[in-house]
Protein backbone atom coordinates (compact mmCIF):
# COMPACT_ATOMS: atom_id res chain seq x y z
CA MET A 1 0.00 0.00 0.00
CA ILE A 2 2.94 2.30 0.68
CA LEU A 3 4.20 1.60 -2.84
CA MET A 4 0.83 2.47 -4.31
CA ARG A 5 0.85 5.83 -2.55
CA LYS A 6 3.88 6.59 -4.70
CA PHE A 7 1.79 5.59 -7.73
CA LEU A 8 -0.40 8.67 -7.31
CA THR A 9 0.67 11.35 -4.81
CA LYS A 10 -1.46 13.98 -3.16
CA ILE A 11 -0.93 17.37 -4.72
CA LYS A 12 -1.45 21.04 -3.99
CA MET A 13 -3.66 22.20 -6.82
CA ASN A 14 -2.05 24.94 -8.90
CA ARG A 15 -3.97 27.84 -10.41
CA ARG A 16 -5.22 25.78 -13.38
CA VAL A 17 -6.74 23.15 -11.09
CA LEU A 18 -8.35 25.74 -8.86
CA LEU A 19 -9.91 27.62 -11.79
CA GLY A 20 -13.11 25.76 -12.54
CA ALA A 21 -11.84 22.32 -11.56
CA LEU A 22 -15.14 21.15 -10.12
CA GLY A 23 -17.15 22.49 -13.06
CA ALA A 24 -14.87 20.80 -15.57
CA TYR A 25 -14.91 17.59 -13.56
CA PHE A 26 -18.67 17.25 -13.68
CA ALA A 27 -18.79 18.44 -17.30
CA LEU A 28 -16.66 15.45 -18.25
CA GLY A 29 -19.34 13.11 -17.01
CA GLN A 30 -22.33 14.65 -18.78
CA THR A 31 -23.91 12.40 -21.37
CA GLY A 32 -27.15 12.12 -23.26
CA HIS A 33 -26.92 8.37 -23.63
CA ALA A 34 -28.58 5.69 -21.53
CA MET A 35 -25.61 3.80 -20.18
CA THR A 36 -26.39 1.19 -17.53
CA ALA A 37 -24.50 -0.06 -14.48
CA VAL A 38 -24.02 -3.38 -16.26
CA GLN A 39 -22.32 -1.64 -19.20
CA ALA A 40 -20.06 0.35 -16.87
CA GLU A 41 -19.08 -2.75 -14.89
CA THR A 42 -18.54 -4.71 -18.11
CA LEU A 43 -16.09 -2.08 -19.34
CA VAL A 44 -14.13 -2.06 -16.08
CA THR A 45 -14.14 -5.86 -15.96
CA LYS A 46 -12.48 -5.86 -19.40
CA VAL A 47 -9.95 -3.23 -18.28
CA VAL A 48 -9.11 -5.20 -15.15
CA SER A 49 -8.88 -8.48 -17.08
CA ASP A 50 -6.44 -6.97 -19.58
CA ILE A 51 -4.35 -5.39 -16.83
CA ASN A 52 -4.19 -8.69 -14.96
CA LYS A 53 -3.04 -10.45 -18.13
CA VAL A 54 -0.26 -7.92 -18.71
CA ILE A 55 1.09 -8.05 -15.15
CA ALA A 56 1.12 -11.85 -15.29
CA SER A 57 2.76 -11.99 -18.74
CA GLY A 58 6.37 -11.81 -17.60
CA LYS A 59 7.16 -9.35 -20.41
CA SER A 60 9.85 -6.70 -20.22
CA ASP A 61 9.00 -3.27 -18.81
CA ALA A 62 9.05 -1.74 -22.30
CA ALA A 63 6.68 -4.39 -23.67
CA MET A 64 4.34 -4.05 -20.69
CA ILE A 65 4.19 -0.27 -21.13
CA LYS A 66 3.23 -0.75 -24.80
CA ASP A 67 0.45 -3.08 -23.68
CA PHE A 68 -0.76 -0.56 -21.10
CA GLU A 69 -0.79 2.11 -23.79
CA LYS A 70 -3.10 -0.12 -25.86
CA ILE A 71 -5.36 -0.65 -22.82
CA PHE A 72 -5.47 3.09 -22.15
CA GLU A 73 -6.24 3.82 -25.81
CA THR A 74 -8.94 1.13 -26.00
CA TYR A 75 -10.85 1.70 -22.78
CA SER A 76 -10.34 5.35 -21.76
CA ASP A 77 -11.71 8.60 -23.15
CA VAL A 78 -8.23 9.82 -24.08
CA ASP A 79 -9.47 12.93 -25.90
CA THR A 80 -11.46 14.15 -22.90
CA MET A 81 -8.67 13.38 -20.44
CA ALA A 82 -6.08 15.16 -22.59
CA ARG A 83 -8.27 18.26 -22.95
CA TYR A 84 -8.87 18.34 -19.22
CA ALA A 85 -5.14 18.02 -18.53
CA LEU A 86 -4.47 21.06 -20.74
CA GLY A 87 -7.07 23.12 -18.90
CA ARG A 88 -7.71 26.67 -20.06
CA ASP A 89 -4.47 26.71 -22.07
CA GLY A 90 -6.02 24.19 -24.43
CA LYS A 91 -8.37 26.86 -25.78
CA LYS A 92 -5.51 28.60 -27.58
CA ALA A 93 -4.07 25.39 -29.05
CA THR A 94 -4.51 24.63 -32.75
CA GLY A 95 -6.24 21.48 -33.95
CA ALA A 96 -2.86 20.02 -34.91
CA GLU A 97 -1.43 20.79 -31.46
CA ILE A 98 -4.40 19.17 -29.71
CA LYS A 99 -3.99 16.04 -31.84
CA GLN A 100 -0.24 15.92 -31.20
CA PHE A 101 -0.65 16.54 -27.47
CA THR A 102 -3.34 13.87 -27.16
CA ASN A 103 -1.04 11.30 -28.77
CA VAL A 104 1.95 12.10 -26.57
CA PHE A 105 -0.28 12.39 -23.49
CA LYS A 106 -1.46 8.83 -24.11
CA GLN A 107 2.14 7.60 -24.26
CA TYR A 108 3.13 9.68 -21.23
CA VAL A 109 0.32 8.30 -19.04
CA ALA A 110 0.96 4.72 -20.18
CA LYS A 111 4.64 4.98 -19.30
CA LYS A 112 4.16 6.84 -16.05
CA TYR A 113 1.48 4.58 -14.61
CA GLY A 114 2.21 1.39 -16.54
CA SER A 115 5.72 1.27 -15.09
CA ARG A 116 4.18 0.99 -11.61
CA PHE A 117 2.09 -2.05 -12.44
CA ARG A 118 5.05 -4.39 -11.97
CA GLU A 119 4.20 -3.97 -8.27
CA PHE A 120 0.95 -5.84 -9.03
CA ILE A 121 2.74 -9.06 -10.00
CA GLY A 122 1.38 -11.88 -7.88
CA GLY A 123 -1.75 -9.88 -7.11
CA LYS A 124 -5.09 -9.19 -8.75
CA ILE A 125 -7.78 -6.57 -9.22
CA GLU A 126 -11.47 -7.42 -8.85
CA VAL A 127 -14.64 -5.45 -9.68
CA LYS A 128 -16.77 -5.05 -6.52
CA SER A 129 -19.66 -2.63 -7.13
CA SER A 130 -21.00 0.33 -9.09
CA ARG A 131 -23.32 3.28 -8.62
CA GLU A 132 -24.64 6.10 -10.76
CA VAL A 133 -23.28 9.56 -9.96
CA LYS A 134 -24.86 12.43 -11.90
CA LYS A 135 -24.80 10.97 -15.42
CA PHE A 136 -21.76 8.76 -15.16
CA PHE A 137 -20.98 5.63 -13.17
CA GLU A 138 -18.50 5.03 -10.39
CA VAL A 139 -17.16 1.45 -10.49
CA LYS A 140 -15.26 0.29 -7.41
CA THR A 141 -12.59 -2.38 -7.62
CA ASN A 142 -10.41 -4.01 -5.01
CA ALA A 143 -6.69 -4.45 -5.68
CA VAL A 144 -4.91 -7.20 -3.77
CA ILE A 145 -1.14 -6.78 -3.88
CA LYS A 146 1.25 -9.44 -2.65
CA ASN A 147 2.76 -8.43 0.71
CA GLN A 148 1.00 -5.04 0.51
CA GLY A 149 -2.63 -5.81 1.43
CA ASN A 150 -5.79 -4.48 -0.21
CA PHE A 151 -6.71 -1.04 -1.48
CA GLU A 152 -9.53 0.52 -3.48
CA VAL A 153 -9.31 1.63 -7.11
CA ILE A 154 -12.31 3.51 -8.54
CA PHE A 155 -13.01 4.02 -12.24
CA LEU A 156 -15.37 6.76 -13.44
CA VAL A 157 -17.17 5.66 -16.61
CA SER A 158 -19.17 7.73 -19.09
CA ASP A 159 -20.57 7.15 -22.57
CA ARG A 160 -20.40 10.84 -23.58
CA SER A 161 -18.13 9.79 -26.48
CA GLY A 162 -20.80 7.42 -27.81
CA ARG A 163 -19.68 4.29 -25.96
CA PRO A 164 -18.72 3.47 -22.35
CA LEU A 165 -15.15 4.57 -21.55
CA PHE A 166 -13.43 5.48 -18.29
CA PHE A 167 -12.39 9.11 -17.92
CA ASN A 168 -10.79 9.12 -14.47
CA VAL A 169 -9.27 6.78 -11.88
CA PHE A 170 -8.95 7.16 -8.12
CA VAL A 171 -6.39 5.09 -6.20
CA GLU A 172 -7.10 5.24 -2.47
CA GLY A 173 -8.90 8.53 -3.06
CA LEU A 174 -6.07 10.06 -5.09
CA ASN A 175 -7.28 11.55 -8.37
CA LEU A 176 -5.40 10.78 -11.62
CA LEU A 177 -7.03 13.59 -13.63
CA LEU A 178 -6.29 16.33 -11.10
CA THR A 179 -2.76 15.01 -10.63
CA GLU A 180 -2.07 15.19 -14.37
CA ARG A 181 -3.80 18.56 -14.76
CA SER A 182 -1.51 19.94 -12.06
CA GLU A 183 1.66 18.41 -13.52
CA ILE A 184 0.85 19.39 -17.11
CA GLY A 185 0.01 22.87 -15.83
CA ALA A 186 3.38 23.09 -14.09
CA ILE A 187 5.18 22.20 -17.33
CA LEU A 188 3.12 24.82 -19.19
CA ASP A 189 4.00 27.42 -16.57
CA ARG A 190 7.67 26.56 -16.99
CA ASN A 191 7.27 27.04 -20.75
CA LYS A 192 5.21 30.25 -20.38
CA GLY A 193 2.08 28.55 -21.70
CA ASP A 194 3.62 27.41 -24.98
CA ILE A 195 1.83 24.21 -26.11
CA GLY A 196 4.59 23.26 -28.58
CA SER A 197 7.22 23.37 -25.84
CA LEU A 198 4.96 21.29 -23.59
CA ILE A 199 4.63 18.65 -26.30
CA ARG A 200 8.40 18.54 -26.84
CA ASP A 201 9.02 18.15 -23.11
CA LEU A 202 6.55 15.25 -22.88
CA GLU A 203 8.05 13.60 -25.98
CA LYS A 204 11.43 13.55 -24.22
CA SER A 205 9.89 11.63 -21.32
CA VAL A 206 8.24 8.84 -23.31
């Protein structure tokens, strides 16, 4: 459990997170479709099954990260997550910059979080329950890690893109989206809000 706290760390929200964070958070979950709890749980069950297969595969770190990138691309609303991570600065980005950022963001997240999943070897993740929140679903899972005990992982699932996809993950209450919004915002601040420089910095890390 101590290791997993390193997986996602609590953050002090910077100015981009503070500015409209709650409004943007709920906006991500708005949908006009009639998704059901069964559909949300089915999606997360597939995600968990694929993750379990990767961590039990015995592949190299590089190969596992590639597999996690495929999982992230297949089951998450990457476009929505990338736009949220950019925050208000995304409004001044060109279409080409948004597309390029979304692609590198996907690789960045897969590497950053996929590299931690080696800690799951010998353990498993199981879907436990779900409930509707506003117009998205919260699906709770239980992660059992060898020699580390149990902890909760929550997936938020919406079909605002036209099909059920997860758009956020909480590990022991720690929020992936807000963490990445803060860290991406810090890189943007360092580059004086320049999206191209942000993209180049992320490319160096993947």
